[in-house]
Amino acid sequence: ALADESAGLTPQVKVRSTTVDLYNSLGDKFSLADVQKYIPNYFAANTRIRRWKKEGAIEQLKGKGRSAVYKKLKKVL
C-alpha cells in the first residue's frame, strides 16, 4: 500500500520541483517571454504567473498581457 501512495504523489512532487526550479532560475524582474522559455505554451505560462501572483510570490510592475513585467517578492519559492 505504501508503494501505491508514493507512486500517486510522484507527479505532484515533480510539478512542484519544476515550478520551484523555474521560479529560482528567473531574474528578479521577468516577463511572460522569460517564463515561456521554460513553459512554451502561452496559456500554461500565463497560468503559472497568475498562481504566483495569487500566492504573493510576485507582483506586476507594469504593462499588461504579453508585455507585462513582474517582480519577485520572494528570493526562493
PDB file of N, CA and C in Angstrom:
ATOM      1  N   ALA A   1       0.828  -1.193   0.000  1.00  0.00           N
ATOM      2  CA  ALA A   1       0.000   0.000   0.000  1.00  0.00           C
ATOM      3  C   ALA A   1       0.875   1.261   0.000  1.00  0.00           C
ATOM      4  N   LEU A   2       2.016   1.198   0.676  1.00  0.00           N
ATOM      5  CA  LEU A   2       2.888   2.360   0.750  1.00  0.00           C
ATOM      6  C   LEU A   2       3.438   2.720  -0.629  1.00  0.00           C
ATOM      7  N   ALA A   3       3.792   1.724  -1.419  1.00  0.00           N
ATOM      8  CA  ALA A   3       4.326   1.972  -2.761  1.00  0.00           C
ATOM      9  C   ALA A   3       3.274   2.663  -3.624  1.00  0.00           C
ATOM     10  N   ASP A   4       2.005   2.260  -3.469  1.00  0.00           N
ATOM     11  CA  ASP A   4       0.923   2.883  -4.233  1.00  0.00           C
ATOM     12  C   ASP A   4       0.802   4.364  -3.895  1.00  0.00           C
ATOM     13  N   GLU A   5       0.914   4.680  -2.620  1.00  0.00           N
ATOM     14  CA  GLU A   5       0.792   6.077  -2.193  1.00  0.00           C
ATOM     15  C   GLU A   5       1.924   6.929  -2.763  1.00  0.00           C
ATOM     16  N   SER A   6       3.149   6.443  -2.692  1.00  0.00           N
ATOM     17  CA  SER A   6       4.270   7.233  -3.195  1.00  0.00           C
ATOM     18  C   SER A   6       4.183   7.383  -4.713  1.00  0.00           C
ATOM     19  N   ALA A   7       3.681   6.357  -5.394  1.00  0.00           N
ATOM     20  CA  ALA A   7       3.521   6.446  -6.844  1.00  0.00           C
ATOM     21  C   ALA A   7       2.480   7.506  -7.186  1.00  0.00           C
ATOM     22  N   GLY A   8       1.445   7.631  -6.365  1.00  0.00           N
ATOM     23  CA  GLY A   8       0.407   8.630  -6.587  1.00  0.00           C
ATOM     24  C   GLY A   8       0.905  10.048  -6.374  1.00  0.00           C
ATOM     25  N   LEU A   9       1.908  10.223  -5.517  1.00  0.00           N
ATOM     26  CA  LEU A   9       2.422  11.553  -5.213  1.00  0.00           C
ATOM     27  C   LEU A   9       3.458  12.032  -6.228  1.00  0.00           C
ATOM     28  N   THR A  10       4.091  11.119  -6.913  1.00  0.00           N
ATOM     29  CA  THR A  10       5.219  11.465  -7.770  1.00  0.00           C
ATOM     30  C   THR A  10       4.917  12.584  -8.773  1.00  0.00           C
ATOM     31  N   PRO A  11       3.825  12.541  -9.535  1.00  0.00           N
ATOM     32  CA  PRO A  11       3.587  13.632 -10.496  1.00  0.00           C
ATOM     33  C   PRO A  11       3.469  15.006  -9.821  1.00  0.00           C
ATOM     34  N   GLN A  12       2.812  15.069  -8.671  1.00  0.00           N
ATOM     35  CA  GLN A  12       2.667  16.341  -7.969  1.00  0.00           C
ATOM     36  C   GLN A  12       4.015  16.851  -7.480  1.00  0.00           C
ATOM     37  N   VAL A  13       4.807  15.959  -6.944  1.00  0.00           N
ATOM     38  CA  VAL A  13       6.131  16.345  -6.454  1.00  0.00           C
ATOM     39  C   VAL A  13       6.976  16.833  -7.622  1.00  0.00           C
ATOM     40  N   LYS A  14       6.878  16.155  -8.755  1.00  0.00           N
ATOM     41  CA  LYS A  14       7.640  16.536  -9.941  1.00  0.00           C
ATOM     42  C   LYS A  14       7.228  17.931 -10.421  1.00  0.00           C
ATOM     43  N   VAL A  15       5.943  18.193 -10.496  1.00  0.00           N
ATOM     44  CA  VAL A  15       5.451  19.505 -10.933  1.00  0.00           C
ATOM     45  C   VAL A  15       5.920  20.578  -9.968  1.00  0.00           C
ATOM     46  N   ARG A  16       5.847  20.311  -8.680  1.00  0.00           N
ATOM     47  CA  ARG A  16       6.259  21.271  -7.661  1.00  0.00           C
ATOM     48  C   ARG A  16       7.742  21.621  -7.812  1.00  0.00           C
ATOM     49  N   SER A  17       8.584  20.610  -7.981  1.00  0.00           N
ATOM     50  CA  SER A  17      10.018  20.888  -8.088  1.00  0.00           C
ATOM     51  C   SER A  17      10.327  21.616  -9.390  1.00  0.00           C
ATOM     52  N   THR A  18       9.602  21.319 -10.463  1.00  0.00           N
ATOM     53  CA  THR A  18       9.789  22.023 -11.734  1.00  0.00           C
ATOM     54  C   THR A  18       9.428  23.488 -11.567  1.00  0.00           C
ATOM     55  N   THR A  19       8.330  23.761 -10.864  1.00  0.00           N
ATOM     56  CA  THR A  19       7.888  25.130 -10.614  1.00  0.00           C
ATOM     57  C   THR A  19       8.923  25.891  -9.799  1.00  0.00           C
ATOM     58  N   VAL A  20       9.461  25.256  -8.766  1.00  0.00           N
ATOM     59  CA  VAL A  20      10.474  25.887  -7.916  1.00  0.00           C
ATOM     60  C   VAL A  20      11.729  26.176  -8.738  1.00  0.00           C
ATOM     61  N   ASP A  21      12.163  25.214  -9.541  1.00  0.00           N
ATOM     62  CA  ASP A  21      13.345  25.403 -10.382  1.00  0.00           C
ATOM     63  C   ASP A  21      13.135  26.565 -11.356  1.00  0.00           C
ATOM     64  N   LEU A  22      11.956  26.615 -11.954  1.00  0.00           N
ATOM     65  CA  LEU A  22      11.633  27.688 -12.895  1.00  0.00           C
ATOM     66  C   LEU A  22      11.690  29.039 -12.188  1.00  0.00           C
ATOM     67  N   TYR A  23      11.021  29.147 -11.057  1.00  0.00           N
ATOM     68  CA  TYR A  23      10.985  30.405 -10.305  1.00  0.00           C
ATOM     69  C   TYR A  23      12.393  30.860  -9.927  1.00  0.00           C
ATOM     70  N   ASN A  24      13.183  29.922  -9.430  1.00  0.00           N
ATOM     71  CA  ASN A  24      14.534  30.252  -8.979  1.00  0.00           C
ATOM     72  C   ASN A  24      15.460  30.638 -10.134  1.00  0.00           C
ATOM     73  N   SER A  25      15.172  30.140 -11.335  1.00  0.00           N
ATOM     74  CA  SER A  25      16.033  30.437 -12.479  1.00  0.00           C
ATOM     75  C   SER A  25      15.713  31.786 -13.118  1.00  0.00           C
ATOM     76  N   LEU A  26      14.562  32.364 -12.794  1.00  0.00           N
ATOM     77  CA  LEU A  26      14.187  33.667 -13.348  1.00  0.00           C
ATOM     78  C   LEU A  26      14.923  34.780 -12.606  1.00  0.00           C
ATOM     79  N   GLY A  27      15.135  35.898 -13.287  1.00  0.00           N
ATOM     80  CA  GLY A  27      15.760  37.054 -12.650  1.00  0.00           C
ATOM     81  C   GLY A  27      14.782  37.712 -11.687  1.00  0.00           C
ATOM     82  N   ASP A  28      15.237  38.749 -10.983  1.00  0.00           N
ATOM     83  CA  ASP A  28      14.358  39.450 -10.045  1.00  0.00           C
ATOM     84  C   ASP A  28      13.190  40.100 -10.766  1.00  0.00           C
ATOM     85  N   LYS A  29      13.417  40.533 -12.003  1.00  0.00           N
ATOM     86  CA  LYS A  29      12.338  41.061 -12.845  1.00  0.00           C
ATOM     87  C   LYS A  29      12.272  40.187 -14.082  1.00  0.00           C
ATOM     88  N   PHE A  30      11.059  39.862 -14.518  1.00  0.00           N
ATOM     89  CA  PHE A  30      10.905  38.975 -15.664  1.00  0.00           C
ATOM     90  C   PHE A  30       9.590  39.254 -16.375  1.00  0.00           C
ATOM     91  N   SER A  31       9.448  38.676 -17.552  1.00  0.00           N
ATOM     92  CA  SER A  31       8.231  38.839 -18.342  1.00  0.00           C
ATOM     93  C   SER A  31       7.674  37.461 -18.703  1.00  0.00           C
ATOM     94  N   LEU A  32       6.529  37.480 -19.339  1.00  0.00           N
ATOM     95  CA  LEU A  32       5.922  36.231 -19.803  1.00  0.00           C
ATOM     96  C   LEU A  32       6.872  35.496 -20.747  1.00  0.00           C
ATOM     97  N   ALA A  33       7.572  36.241 -21.590  1.00  0.00           N
ATOM     98  CA  ALA A  33       8.511  35.623 -22.544  1.00  0.00           C
ATOM     99  C   ALA A  33       9.593  34.823 -21.812  1.00  0.00           C
ATOM    100  N   ASP A  34      10.047  35.336 -20.667  1.00  0.00           N
ATOM    101  CA  ASP A  34      11.057  34.615 -19.880  1.00  0.00           C
ATOM    102  C   ASP A  34      10.499  33.295 -19.360  1.00  0.00           C
ATOM    103  N   VAL A  35       9.252  33.310 -18.903  1.00  0.00           N
ATOM    104  CA  VAL A  35       8.612  32.084 -18.409  1.00  0.00           C
ATOM    105  C   VAL A  35       8.406  31.118 -19.568  1.00  0.00           C
ATOM    106  N   GLN A  36       8.087  31.647 -20.750  1.00  0.00           N
ATOM    107  CA  GLN A  36       7.826  30.793 -21.913  1.00  0.00           C
ATOM    108  C   GLN A  36       9.081  30.093 -22.431  1.00  0.00           C
ATOM    109  N   LYS A  37      10.256  30.509 -21.992  1.00  0.00           N
ATOM    110  CA  LYS A  37      11.471  29.768 -22.344  1.00  0.00           C
ATOM    111  C   LYS A  37      11.444  28.385 -21.694  1.00  0.00           C
ATOM    112  N   TYR A  38      10.749  28.292 -20.558  1.00  0.00           N
ATOM    113  CA  TYR A  38      10.640  27.036 -19.815  1.00  0.00           C
ATOM    114  C   TYR A  38       9.297  26.361 -20.054  1.00  0.00           C
ATOM    115  N   ILE A  39       8.243  27.167 -20.216  1.00  0.00           N
ATOM    116  CA  ILE A  39       6.895  26.654 -20.474  1.00  0.00           C
ATOM    117  C   ILE A  39       6.432  27.307 -21.782  1.00  0.00           C
ATOM    118  N   PRO A  40       6.709  26.675 -22.926  1.00  0.00           N
ATOM    119  CA  PRO A  40       6.415  27.301 -24.222  1.00  0.00           C
ATOM    120  C   PRO A  40       4.928  27.642 -24.446  1.00  0.00           C
ATOM    121  N   ASN A  41       4.041  26.866 -23.878  1.00  0.00           N
ATOM    122  CA  ASN A  41       2.612  27.100 -24.070  1.00  0.00           C
ATOM    123  C   ASN A  41       2.189  28.400 -23.382  1.00  0.00           C
ATOM    124  N   TYR A  42       1.612  29.333 -24.153  1.00  0.00           N
ATOM    125  CA  TYR A  42       1.208  30.636 -23.629  1.00  0.00           C
ATOM    126  C   TYR A  42       0.266  30.512 -22.436  1.00  0.00           C
ATOM    127  N   PHE A  43      -0.765  29.681 -22.587  1.00  0.00           N
ATOM    128  CA  PHE A  43      -1.774  29.575 -21.527  1.00  0.00           C
ATOM    129  C   PHE A  43      -1.204  28.956 -20.251  1.00  0.00           C
ATOM    130  N   ALA A  44      -0.348  27.956 -20.403  1.00  0.00           N
ATOM    131  CA  ALA A  44       0.273  27.313 -19.240  1.00  0.00           C
ATOM    132  C   ALA A  44       1.207  28.298 -18.533  1.00  0.00           C
ATOM    133  N   ALA A  45       1.976  29.055 -19.302  1.00  0.00           N
ATOM    134  CA  ALA A  45       2.894  30.035 -18.722  1.00  0.00           C
ATOM    135  C   ALA A  45       2.113  31.138 -18.014  1.00  0.00           C
ATOM    136  N   ASN A  46       1.038  31.584 -18.628  1.00  0.00           N
ATOM    137  CA  ASN A  46       0.200  32.627 -18.047  1.00  0.00           C
ATOM    138  C   ASN A  46      -0.454  32.147 -16.752  1.00  0.00           C
ATOM    139  N   THR A  47      -0.898  30.905 -16.731  1.00  0.00           N
ATOM    140  CA  THR A  47      -1.498  30.313 -15.535  1.00  0.00           C
ATOM    141  C   THR A  47      -0.476  30.263 -14.404  1.00  0.00           C
ATOM    142  N   ARG A  48       0.755  29.887 -14.732  1.00  0.00           N
ATOM    143  CA  ARG A  48       1.821  29.832 -13.722  1.00  0.00           C
ATOM    144  C   ARG A  48       2.015  31.216 -13.096  1.00  0.00           C
ATOM    145  N   ILE A  49       2.063  32.257 -13.926  1.00  0.00           N
ATOM    146  CA  ILE A  49       2.236  33.624 -13.430  1.00  0.00           C
ATOM    147  C   ILE A  49       1.055  34.022 -12.543  1.00  0.00           C
ATOM    148  N   ARG A  50      -0.154  33.705 -12.988  1.00  0.00           N
ATOM    149  CA  ARG A  50      -1.346  34.044 -12.182  1.00  0.00           C
ATOM    150  C   ARG A  50      -1.303  33.366 -10.827  1.00  0.00           C
ATOM    151  N   ARG A  51      -0.868  32.114 -10.769  1.00  0.00           N
ATOM    152  CA  ARG A  51      -0.779  31.396  -9.486  1.00  0.00           C
ATOM    153  C   ARG A  51       0.252  32.033  -8.571  1.00  0.00           C
ATOM    154  N   TRP A  52       1.403  32.407  -9.142  1.00  0.00           N
ATOM    155  CA  TRP A  52       2.430  33.073  -8.335  1.00  0.00           C
ATOM    156  C   TRP A  52       1.911  34.384  -7.773  1.00  0.00           C
ATOM    157  N   LYS A  53       1.146  35.131  -8.583  1.00  0.00           N
ATOM    158  CA  LYS A  53       0.569  36.393  -8.099  1.00  0.00           C
ATOM    159  C   LYS A  53      -0.401  36.128  -6.952  1.00  0.00           C
ATOM    160  N   LYS A  54      -1.242  35.120  -7.123  1.00  0.00           N
ATOM    161  CA  LYS A  54      -2.225  34.765  -6.100  1.00  0.00           C
ATOM    162  C   LYS A  54      -1.543  34.335  -4.798  1.00  0.00           C
ATOM    163  N   GLU A  55      -0.411  33.622  -4.921  1.00  0.00           N
ATOM    164  CA  GLU A  55       0.332  33.146  -3.749  1.00  0.00           C
ATOM    165  C   GLU A  55       1.170  34.255  -3.111  1.00  0.00           C
ATOM    166  N   GLY A  56       1.267  35.411  -3.781  1.00  0.00           N
ATOM    167  CA  GLY A  56       2.061  36.509  -3.245  1.00  0.00           C
ATOM    168  C   GLY A  56       3.551  36.358  -3.487  1.00  0.00           C
ATOM    169  N   ALA A  57       3.920  35.529  -4.454  1.00  0.00           N
ATOM    170  CA  ALA A  57       5.341  35.312  -4.746  1.00  0.00           C
ATOM    171  C   ALA A  57       5.891  36.387  -5.682  1.00  0.00           C
ATOM    172  N   ILE A  58       4.993  37.001  -6.481  1.00  0.00           N
ATOM    173  CA  ILE A  58       5.412  38.039  -7.428  1.00  0.00           C
ATOM    174  C   ILE A  58       4.393  39.167  -7.430  1.00  0.00           C
ATOM    175  N   GLU A  59       4.799  40.301  -8.003  1.00  0.00           N
ATOM    176  CA  GLU A  59       3.856  41.389  -8.240  1.00  0.00           C
ATOM    177  C   GLU A  59       4.077  41.915  -9.645  1.00  0.00           C
ATOM    178  N   GLN A  60       3.025  42.465 -10.221  1.00  0.00           N
ATOM    179  CA  GLN A  60       3.114  43.019 -11.569  1.00  0.00           C
ATOM    180  C   GLN A  60       3.579  44.464 -11.461  1.00  0.00           C
ATOM    181  N   LEU A  61       4.655  44.798 -12.149  1.00  0.00           N
ATOM    182  CA  LEU A  61       5.206  46.146 -12.090  1.00  0.00           C
ATOM    183  C   LEU A  61       4.557  47.073 -13.107  1.00  0.00           C
ATOM    184  N   LYS A  62       4.476  46.593 -14.357  1.00  0.00           N
ATOM    185  CA  LYS A  62       3.915  47.434 -15.414  1.00  0.00           C
ATOM    186  C   LYS A  62       3.470  46.585 -16.586  1.00  0.00           C
ATOM    187  N   GLY A  63       2.694  47.194 -17.472  1.00  0.00           N
ATOM    188  CA  GLY A  63       2.255  46.523 -18.682  1.00  0.00           C
ATOM    189  C   GLY A  63       1.106  45.561 -18.442  1.00  0.00           C
ATOM    190  N   LYS A  64       0.635  44.989 -19.538  1.00  0.00           N
ATOM    191  CA  LYS A  64      -0.453  44.017 -19.490  1.00  0.00           C
ATOM    192  C   LYS A  64      -0.135  42.883 -20.453  1.00  0.00           C
ATOM    193  N   GLY A  65      -0.712  41.733 -20.170  1.00  0.00           N
ATOM    194  CA  GLY A  65      -0.582  40.594 -21.084  1.00  0.00           C
ATOM    195  C   GLY A  65       0.856  40.241 -21.386  1.00  0.00           C
ATOM    196  N   ARG A  66       1.166  40.127 -22.676  1.00  0.00           N
ATOM    197  CA  ARG A  66       2.500  39.698 -23.106  1.00  0.00           C
ATOM    198  C   ARG A  66       3.598  40.701 -22.762  1.00  0.00           C
ATOM    199  N   SER A  67       3.245  41.976 -22.605  1.00  0.00           N
ATOM    200  CA  SER A  67       4.268  42.995 -22.345  1.00  0.00           C
ATOM    201  C   SER A  67       4.445  43.301 -20.855  1.00  0.00           C
ATOM    202  N   ALA A  68       3.720  42.591 -19.998  1.00  0.00           N
ATOM    203  CA  ALA A  68       3.801  42.838 -18.554  1.00  0.00           C
ATOM    204  C   ALA A  68       5.176  42.473 -18.010  1.00  0.00           C
ATOM    205  N   VAL A  69       5.589  43.222 -16.994  1.00  0.00           N
ATOM    206  CA  VAL A  69       6.845  42.933 -16.298  1.00  0.00           C
ATOM    207  C   VAL A  69       6.503  42.632 -14.846  1.00  0.00           C
ATOM    208  N   TYR A  70       7.080  41.571 -14.326  1.00  0.00           N
ATOM    209  CA  TYR A  70       6.804  41.118 -12.965  1.00  0.00           C
ATOM    210  C   TYR A  70       8.062  41.190 -12.124  1.00  0.00           C
ATOM    211  N   LYS A  71       7.865  41.297 -10.827  1.00  0.00           N
ATOM    212  CA  LYS A  71       8.982  41.355  -9.877  1.00  0.00           C
ATOM    213  C   LYS A  71       8.788  40.273  -8.826  1.00  0.00           C
ATOM    214  N   LYS A  72       9.867  39.565  -8.514  1.00  0.00           N
ATOM    215  CA  LYS A  72       9.808  38.547  -7.456  1.00  0.00           C
ATOM    216  C   LYS A  72       9.701  39.223  -6.100  1.00  0.00           C
ATOM    217  N   LEU A  73       8.851  38.707  -5.235  1.00  0.00           N
ATOM    218  CA  LEU A  73       8.752  39.194  -3.866  1.00  0.00           C
ATOM    219  C   LEU A  73       9.464  38.261  -2.900  1.00  0.00           C
ATOM    220  N   LYS A  74       9.695  37.024  -3.340  1.00  0.00           N
ATOM    221  CA  LYS A  74      10.408  36.035  -2.533  1.00  0.00           C
ATOM    222  C   LYS A  74      11.681  35.669  -3.262  1.00  0.00           C
ATOM    223  N   LYS A  75      12.748  35.473  -2.529  1.00  0.00           N
ATOM    224  CA  LYS A  75      14.010  35.071  -3.161  1.00  0.00           C
ATOM    225  C   LYS A  75      13.939  33.638  -3.676  1.00  0.00           C
ATOM    226  N   VAL A  76      13.286  32.775  -2.876  1.00  0.00           N
ATOM    227  CA  VAL A  76      13.189  31.362  -3.224  1.00  0.00           C
ATOM    228  C   VAL A  76      11.766  30.902  -2.937  1.00  0.00           C
ATOM    229  N   LEU A  77      11.230  30.067  -3.795  1.00  0.00           N
ATOM    230  CA  LEU A  77       9.878  29.524  -3.560  1.00  0.00           C
ATOM    231  C   LEU A  77       9.936  28.394  -2.566  1.00  0.00           C
TER     232      LEU A  77
END
